[in-house]
C-alpha atoms as a PDB file:
ATOM      1  CA  MET A   1       0.920  59.700 130.485  1.00  0.00           C
ATOM      2  CA  ALA A   2       2.082  59.578 134.187  1.00  0.00           C
ATOM      3  CA  ASP A   3       2.966  63.249 134.386  1.00  0.00           C
ATOM      4  CA  GLU A   4      -0.394  64.660 133.039  1.00  0.00           C
ATOM      5  CA  SER A   5      -2.172  64.925 136.485  1.00  0.00           C
ATOM      6  CA  PHE A   6       0.893  67.071 137.576  1.00  0.00           C
ATOM      7  CA  TRP A   7       0.763  69.161 134.311  1.00  0.00           C
ATOM      8  CA  ILE A   8      -3.143  69.824 134.654  1.00  0.00           C
ATOM      9  CA  GLU A   9      -2.668  70.886 138.309  1.00  0.00           C
ATOM     10  CA  GLN A  10       0.041  73.367 137.226  1.00  0.00           C
ATOM     11  CA  ILE A  11      -1.835  74.736 134.409  1.00  0.00           C
ATOM     12  CA  LYS A  12      -4.799  75.522 136.812  1.00  0.00           C
ATOM     13  CA  LYS A  13      -2.317  77.423 138.995  1.00  0.00           C
ATOM     14  CA  GLY A  14      -1.308  79.408 135.877  1.00  0.00           C
ATOM     15  CA  ASN A  15       1.707  77.908 134.671  1.00  0.00           C
ATOM     16  CA  THR A  16       1.369  78.054 130.912  1.00  0.00           C
ATOM     17  CA  HIS A  17       4.645  76.063 130.158  1.00  0.00           C
ATOM     18  CA  PHE A  18       2.898  72.861 131.167  1.00  0.00           C
ATOM     19  CA  PHE A  19      -0.011  73.631 128.831  1.00  0.00           C
ATOM     20  CA  ARG A  20       2.514  73.538 125.972  1.00  0.00           C
ATOM     21  CA  LEU A  21       3.589  70.049 127.218  1.00  0.00           C
ATOM     22  CA  LEU A  22      -0.184  69.080 127.268  1.00  0.00           C
ATOM     23  CA  TYR A  23      -0.622  70.169 123.767  1.00  0.00           C
ATOM     24  CA  GLN A  24       2.480  68.537 122.344  1.00  0.00           C
ATOM     25  CA  ALA A  25       1.038  65.213 124.023  1.00  0.00           C
ATOM     26  CA  HIS A  26      -2.356  65.394 122.293  1.00  0.00           C
ATOM     27  CA  TYR A  27      -2.380  67.680 119.315  1.00  0.00           C
ATOM     28  CA  LYS A  28      -2.107  64.927 116.704  1.00  0.00           C
ATOM     29  CA  MET A  29      -5.138  63.092 118.267  1.00  0.00           C
ATOM     30  CA  VAL A  30      -7.096  66.320 118.060  1.00  0.00           C
ATOM     31  CA  PHE A  31      -5.820  67.390 114.759  1.00  0.00           C
ATOM     32  CA  ARG A  32      -6.834  63.841 113.188  1.00  0.00           C
ATOM     33  CA  LEU A  33     -10.348  64.138 114.737  1.00  0.00           C
ATOM     34  CA  CYS A  34     -10.876  67.679 113.276  1.00  0.00           C
ATOM     35  CA  TYR A  35      -9.529  66.675 109.829  1.00  0.00           C
ATOM     36  CA  ARG A  36     -12.019  63.581 109.957  1.00  0.00           C
ATOM     37  CA  PHE A  37     -15.021  66.120 110.095  1.00  0.00           C
ATOM     38  CA  THR A  38     -13.536  68.898 107.831  1.00  0.00           C
ATOM     39  CA  ARG A  39     -11.442  67.055 105.290  1.00  0.00           C
ATOM     40  CA  ASP A  40      -9.491  70.211 104.980  1.00  0.00           C
ATOM     41  CA  VAL A  41      -5.988  70.620 106.409  1.00  0.00           C
ATOM     42  CA  ALA A  42      -6.273  74.445 106.856  1.00  0.00           C
ATOM     43  CA  GLU A  43      -9.606  74.303 108.523  1.00  0.00           C
ATOM     44  CA  ALA A  44      -8.496  71.386 110.794  1.00  0.00           C
ATOM     45  CA  GLU A  45      -5.587  73.457 111.928  1.00  0.00           C
ATOM     46  CA  GLU A  46      -7.877  76.239 112.747  1.00  0.00           C
ATOM     47  CA  GLN A  47     -10.248  73.917 114.702  1.00  0.00           C
ATOM     48  CA  LEU A  48      -7.268  72.436 116.585  1.00  0.00           C
ATOM     49  CA  GLN A  49      -6.436  75.804 117.956  1.00  0.00           C
ATOM     50  CA  GLU A  50     -10.070  76.614 118.849  1.00  0.00           C
ATOM     51  CA  VAL A  51     -10.343  73.176 120.592  1.00  0.00           C
ATOM     52  CA  PHE A  52      -7.225  73.919 122.821  1.00  0.00           C
ATOM     53  CA  MET A  53      -8.479  77.421 123.640  1.00  0.00           C
ATOM     54  CA  LYS A  54     -11.459  75.685 124.942  1.00  0.00           C
ATOM     55  CA  VAL A  55      -9.271  73.289 126.892  1.00  0.00           C
ATOM     56  CA  LEU A  56      -7.669  76.057 128.667  1.00  0.00           C
ATOM     57  CA  GLY A  57     -11.011  77.669 129.434  1.00  0.00           C
ATOM     58  CA  LYS A  58     -12.590  74.369 130.716  1.00  0.00           C
ATOM     59  CA  LEU A  59      -9.707  72.710 132.368  1.00  0.00           C
ATOM     60  CA  ASP A  60     -10.920  73.779 135.875  1.00  0.00           C
ATOM     61  CA  GLY A  61     -13.912  71.434 135.210  1.00  0.00           C
ATOM     62  CA  PHE A  62     -11.694  68.515 134.656  1.00  0.00           C
ATOM     63  CA  ARG A  63     -11.828  66.259 137.796  1.00  0.00           C
ATOM     64  CA  GLY A  64      -9.895  63.376 136.712  1.00  0.00           C
ATOM     65  CA  ASP A  65     -12.771  60.882 136.947  1.00  0.00           C
ATOM     66  CA  SER A  66     -11.898  59.648 133.516  1.00  0.00           C
ATOM     67  CA  ALA A  67      -8.614  59.853 131.598  1.00  0.00           C
ATOM     68  CA  PHE A  68      -7.604  63.237 130.319  1.00  0.00           C
ATOM     69  CA  SER A  69      -7.432  61.809 126.670  1.00  0.00           C
ATOM     70  CA  SER A  70     -11.105  60.662 126.975  1.00  0.00           C
ATOM     71  CA  TRP A  71     -12.113  64.105 128.361  1.00  0.00           C
ATOM     72  CA  LEU A  72     -10.337  65.763 125.383  1.00  0.00           C
ATOM     73  CA  TYR A  73     -11.771  63.449 122.811  1.00  0.00           C
ATOM     74  CA  ARG A  74     -15.338  64.192 123.948  1.00  0.00           C
ATOM     75  CA  LEU A  75     -14.622  67.904 124.129  1.00  0.00           C
ATOM     76  CA  THR A  76     -13.202  67.854 120.505  1.00  0.00           C
ATOM     77  CA  THR A  77     -16.107  65.855 119.102  1.00  0.00           C
ATOM     78  CA  ASN A  78     -18.635  68.039 120.708  1.00  0.00           C
ATOM     79  CA  HIS A  79     -16.874  71.146 119.313  1.00  0.00           C
ATOM     80  CA  MET A  80     -16.887  69.681 115.787  1.00  0.00           C
ATOM     81  CA  LEU A  81     -20.315  68.807 115.949  1.00  0.00           C
ATOM     82  CA  ASN A  82     -21.161  72.334 116.885  1.00  0.00           C
ATOM     83  CA  HIS A  83     -18.870  73.486 114.256  1.00  0.00           C
ATOM     84  CA  GLN A  84     -20.721  71.256 111.564  1.00  0.00           C
ATOM     85  CA  THR A  85     -23.981  72.721 112.345  1.00  0.00           C
ATOM     86  CA  ARG A  86     -22.752  76.299 111.572  1.00  0.00           C
ATOM     87  CA  VAL A  87     -20.605  75.432 108.464  1.00  0.00           C
ATOM     88  CA  ARG A  88     -21.486  72.180 106.496  1.00  0.00           C
ATOM     89  CA  ARG A  89     -18.328  71.983 104.403  1.00  0.00           C
ATOM     90  CA  HIS A  90     -17.765  68.271 105.146  1.00  0.00           C
ATOM     91  CA  ALA A  91     -16.372  65.976 102.314  1.00  0.00           C
ATOM     92  CA  ASN A  92     -15.287  62.504 103.260  1.00  0.00           C
ATOM     93  CA  THR A  93     -14.227  59.149 101.787  1.00  0.00           C
ATOM     94  CA  ILE A  94     -14.984  56.416 104.223  1.00  0.00           C
ATOM     95  CA  ALA A  95     -14.593  52.612 104.278  1.00  0.00           C
ATOM     96  CA  LEU A  96     -17.923  51.495 103.463  1.00  0.00           C
ATOM     97  CA  ASP A  97     -19.687  48.114 103.846  1.00  0.00           C
ATOM     98  CA  GLU A  98     -19.395  45.116 101.452  1.00  0.00           C
ATOM     99  CA  SER A  99     -22.014  46.615  99.096  1.00  0.00           C
ATOM    100  CA  LEU A 100     -19.546  49.504  98.133  1.00  0.00           C
ATOM    101  CA  GLN A 101     -16.255  47.599  97.891  1.00  0.00           C
ATOM    102  CA  GLY A 102     -14.685  46.890  94.626  1.00  0.00           C
ATOM    103  CA  HIS A 103     -15.972  49.752  92.775  1.00  0.00           C
ATOM    104  CA  HIS A 104     -12.609  51.696  92.678  1.00  0.00           C
ATOM    105  CA  HIS A 105     -14.193  55.053  94.008  1.00  0.00           C
ATOM    106  CA  GLU A 106     -10.620  56.157  94.887  1.00  0.00           C
ATOM    107  CA  GLU A 107      -9.582  55.775  91.104  1.00  0.00           C
ATOM    108  CA  ASP A 108     -12.981  57.156  89.725  1.00  0.00           C
ATOM    109  CA  PRO A 109     -13.200  60.750  89.949  1.00  0.00           C
ATOM    110  CA  LEU A 110     -16.984  60.718  89.311  1.00  0.00           C
ATOM    111  CA  MET A 111     -17.535  58.140  92.130  1.00  0.00           C
ATOM    112  CA  LYS A 112     -15.230  60.036  94.454  1.00  0.00           C
ATOM    113  CA  ALA A 113     -17.078  63.282  93.975  1.00  0.00           C
ATOM    114  CA  ALA A 114     -20.427  61.550  94.192  1.00  0.00           C
ATOM    115  CA  LEU A 115     -19.443  59.929  97.600  1.00  0.00           C
ATOM    116  CA  ALA A 116     -18.123  62.925  99.064  1.00  0.00           C
ATOM    117  CA  ARG A 117     -21.460  64.841  98.198  1.00  0.00           C
ATOM    118  CA  ALA A 118     -23.572  61.867  99.600  1.00  0.00           C
ATOM    119  CA  ILE A 119     -21.694  61.882 102.804  1.00  0.00           C
ATOM    120  CA  GLU A 120     -21.922  65.728 103.207  1.00  0.00           C
ATOM    121  CA  GLN A 121     -25.722  65.589 102.638  1.00  0.00           C
ATOM    122  CA  LEU A 122     -26.229  63.016 105.460  1.00  0.00           C
ATOM    123  CA  PRO A 123     -27.975  64.425 108.552  1.00  0.00           C
ATOM    124  CA  THR A 124     -25.425  65.333 111.240  1.00  0.00           C
ATOM    125  CA  GLY A 125     -26.353  62.318 113.564  1.00  0.00           C
ATOM    126  CA  LEU A 126     -25.855  59.684 110.795  1.00  0.00           C
ATOM    127  CA  ARG A 127     -22.671  61.450 109.427  1.00  0.00           C
ATOM    128  CA  THR A 128     -21.116  61.600 112.919  1.00  0.00           C
ATOM    129  CA  VAL A 129     -21.644  57.978 113.803  1.00  0.00           C
ATOM    130  CA  LEU A 130     -20.400  56.876 110.219  1.00  0.00           C
ATOM    131  CA  ILE A 131     -17.136  58.886 110.963  1.00  0.00           C
ATOM    132  CA  LEU A 132     -16.665  57.825 114.603  1.00  0.00           C
ATOM    133  CA  HIS A 133     -17.330  54.028 113.789  1.00  0.00           C
ATOM    134  CA  ASP A 134     -15.723  53.453 110.233  1.00  0.00           C
ATOM    135  CA  GLN A 135     -12.913  56.129 110.512  1.00  0.00           C
ATOM    136  CA  GLU A 136     -12.219  56.494 114.148  1.00  0.00           C
ATOM    137  CA  GLY A 137     -12.739  52.771 114.830  1.00  0.00           C
ATOM    138  CA  LEU A 138     -14.841  53.262 117.906  1.00  0.00           C
ATOM    139  CA  LYS A 139     -17.131  50.638 119.144  1.00  0.00           C
ATOM    140  CA  HIS A 140     -20.907  51.314 119.240  1.00  0.00           C
ATOM    141  CA  ASP A 141     -20.583  51.259 123.133  1.00  0.00           C
ATOM    142  CA  ASP A 142     -17.977  53.979 123.021  1.00  0.00           C
ATOM    143  CA  ILE A 143     -19.903  56.203 120.443  1.00  0.00           C
ATOM    144  CA  ALA A 144     -23.050  55.879 122.758  1.00  0.00           C
ATOM    145  CA  GLU A 145     -21.135  57.227 125.628  1.00  0.00           C
ATOM    146  CA  LEU A 146     -19.580  59.979 123.690  1.00  0.00           C
ATOM    147  CA  LEU A 147     -22.741  61.195 122.030  1.00  0.00           C
ATOM    148  CA  ASP A 148     -25.038  60.388 124.872  1.00  0.00           C
ATOM    149  CA  ILE A 149     -27.074  58.011 123.015  1.00  0.00           C
ATOM    150  CA  SER A 150     -27.687  54.097 123.177  1.00  0.00           C
ATOM    151  CA  ALA A 151     -25.692  51.756 121.496  1.00  0.00           C
ATOM    152  CA  GLY A 152     -28.702  50.414 119.660  1.00  0.00           C
ATOM    153  CA  THR A 153     -29.233  54.030 118.441  1.00  0.00           C
ATOM    154  CA  SER A 154     -25.647  54.208 117.194  1.00  0.00           C
ATOM    155  CA  ARG A 155     -26.074  50.840 115.333  1.00  0.00           C
ATOM    156  CA  SER A 156     -29.367  52.102 113.801  1.00  0.00           C
ATOM    157  CA  GLN A 157     -27.632  55.400 112.553  1.00  0.00           C
ATOM    158  CA  LEU A 158     -24.856  53.626 110.996  1.00  0.00           C
ATOM    159  CA  THR A 159     -27.198  51.251 109.179  1.00  0.00           C
ATOM    160  CA  ARG A 160     -29.262  54.220 107.985  1.00  0.00           C
ATOM    161  CA  ALA A 161     -26.285  56.034 106.895  1.00  0.00           C
ATOM    162  CA  ARG A 162     -24.750  53.236 104.835  1.00  0.00           C
ATOM    163  CA  MET A 163     -28.291  52.672 103.322  1.00  0.00           C
ATOM    164  CA  ALA A 164     -28.556  56.306 102.385  1.00  0.00           C
ATOM    165  CA  LEU A 165     -25.062  56.204 100.741  1.00  0.00           C
ATOM    166  CA  ARG A 166     -26.112  53.208  98.852  1.00  0.00           C
ATOM    167  CA  LYS A 167     -29.326  54.588  97.541  1.00  0.00           C
ATOM    168  CA  LYS A 168     -27.644  57.789  96.552  1.00  0.00           C
ATOM    169  CA  LEU A 169     -24.579  55.898  94.708  1.00  0.00           C
ATOM    170  CA  GLU A 170     -26.677  53.153  93.296  1.00  0.00           C
ATOM    171  CA  PRO A 171     -26.689  54.568  89.726  1.00  0.00           C
ATOM    172  CA  LEU A 172     -22.967  54.784  89.762  1.00  0.00           C
ATOM    173  CA  LEU A 173     -22.574  51.497  91.375  1.00  0.00           C
ATOM    174  CA  ARG A 174     -24.621  49.817  88.474  1.00  0.00           C
ATOM    175  CA  ARG A 175     -21.987  50.841  85.888  1.00  0.00           C
ATOM    176  CA  LYS A 176     -19.886  48.172  84.563  1.00  0.00           C
ATOM    177  CA  PRO A 177     -16.348  48.406  86.247  1.00  0.00           C
ATOM    178  CA  SER A 178     -13.579  49.369  83.841  1.00  0.00           C
ATOM    179  CA  HIS A 179     -11.113  46.873  85.470  1.00  0.00           C
ATOM    180  CA  PRO A 180     -11.334  43.918  87.757  1.00  0.00           C
ATOM    181  CA  PRO A 181     -12.703  44.511  91.367  1.00  0.00           C
ATOM    182  CA  SER A 182     -10.144  44.741  94.087  1.00  0.00           C
ATOM    183  CA  SER A 183     -10.599  43.389  97.695  1.00  0.00           C
ATOM    184  CA  ALA A 184      -9.006  46.601  99.158  1.00  0.00           C
ATOM    185  CA  ARG A 185     -11.247  48.858 101.222  1.00  0.00           C
ATOM    186  CA  GLY A 186     -11.581  52.408  99.889  1.00  0.00           C
ATOM    187  CA  CYS A 187     -10.459  54.486 102.828  1.00  0.00           C
ATOM    188  CA  ALA A 188      -8.888  57.724 102.611  1.00  0.00           C
ATOM    189  CA  PRO A 189      -5.318  57.827 104.391  1.00  0.00           C
ATOM    190  CA  ALA A 190      -5.211  59.483 107.685  1.00  0.00           C
ATOM    191  CA  ALA A 191      -3.973  63.043 107.394  1.00  0.00           C
ATOM    192  CA  ARG A 192      -0.616  63.958 109.149  1.00  0.00           C
ATOM    193  CA  ALA A 193      -0.729  66.850 111.319  1.00  0.00           C
ATOM    194  CA  LYS A 194       1.849  69.548 110.253  1.00  0.00           C
ATOM    195  CA  GLY A 195       4.239  70.723 113.109  1.00  0.00           C
ATOM    196  CA  GLY A 196       3.190  71.156 116.662  1.00  0.00           C
ATOM    197  CA  ARG A 197       2.536  74.773 116.986  1.00  0.00           C
ATOM    198  CA  PRO A 198       0.468  75.777 120.156  1.00  0.00           C
END
């Protein structure tokens, strides 16, 4: 956004009116990312507020070397990673690779619950790459930059995450489908942020 550099300079000078504008411009993106990790609207809203409190405290360190949105995305991701190490309440339904398609896990409560548990039990690194790649749509090069790992490590962690999920869900995947398979990918709809309260 063309006015953001001006807003940021004003915020650094103590003009909180421009912080509200910055919040309104970016809160949906931050909420979406928080929700990807928590899968809980109330908790995502709480983390949204914590992220923007961090923004206020760290904005002096933003030098404009990259887009503010990129800086904020990285800050949010790091915040949520730290949050997840403290509270592992993550349950996710993710678009998986071909081996998990056509099994109607959204329509099958047992499969849905098993998938949520399986993702929650993944190690933090695997779970994070899975979320960023399969739900946020980031490329491996972007994930590598965001998490300070190599693109090869990102690819390896995604493969390991999918293999771990297939292994955990294999007994359920062997069940005979109760209705014809569908080509639709099983992906939870993106949550919509409620309101724009700073």
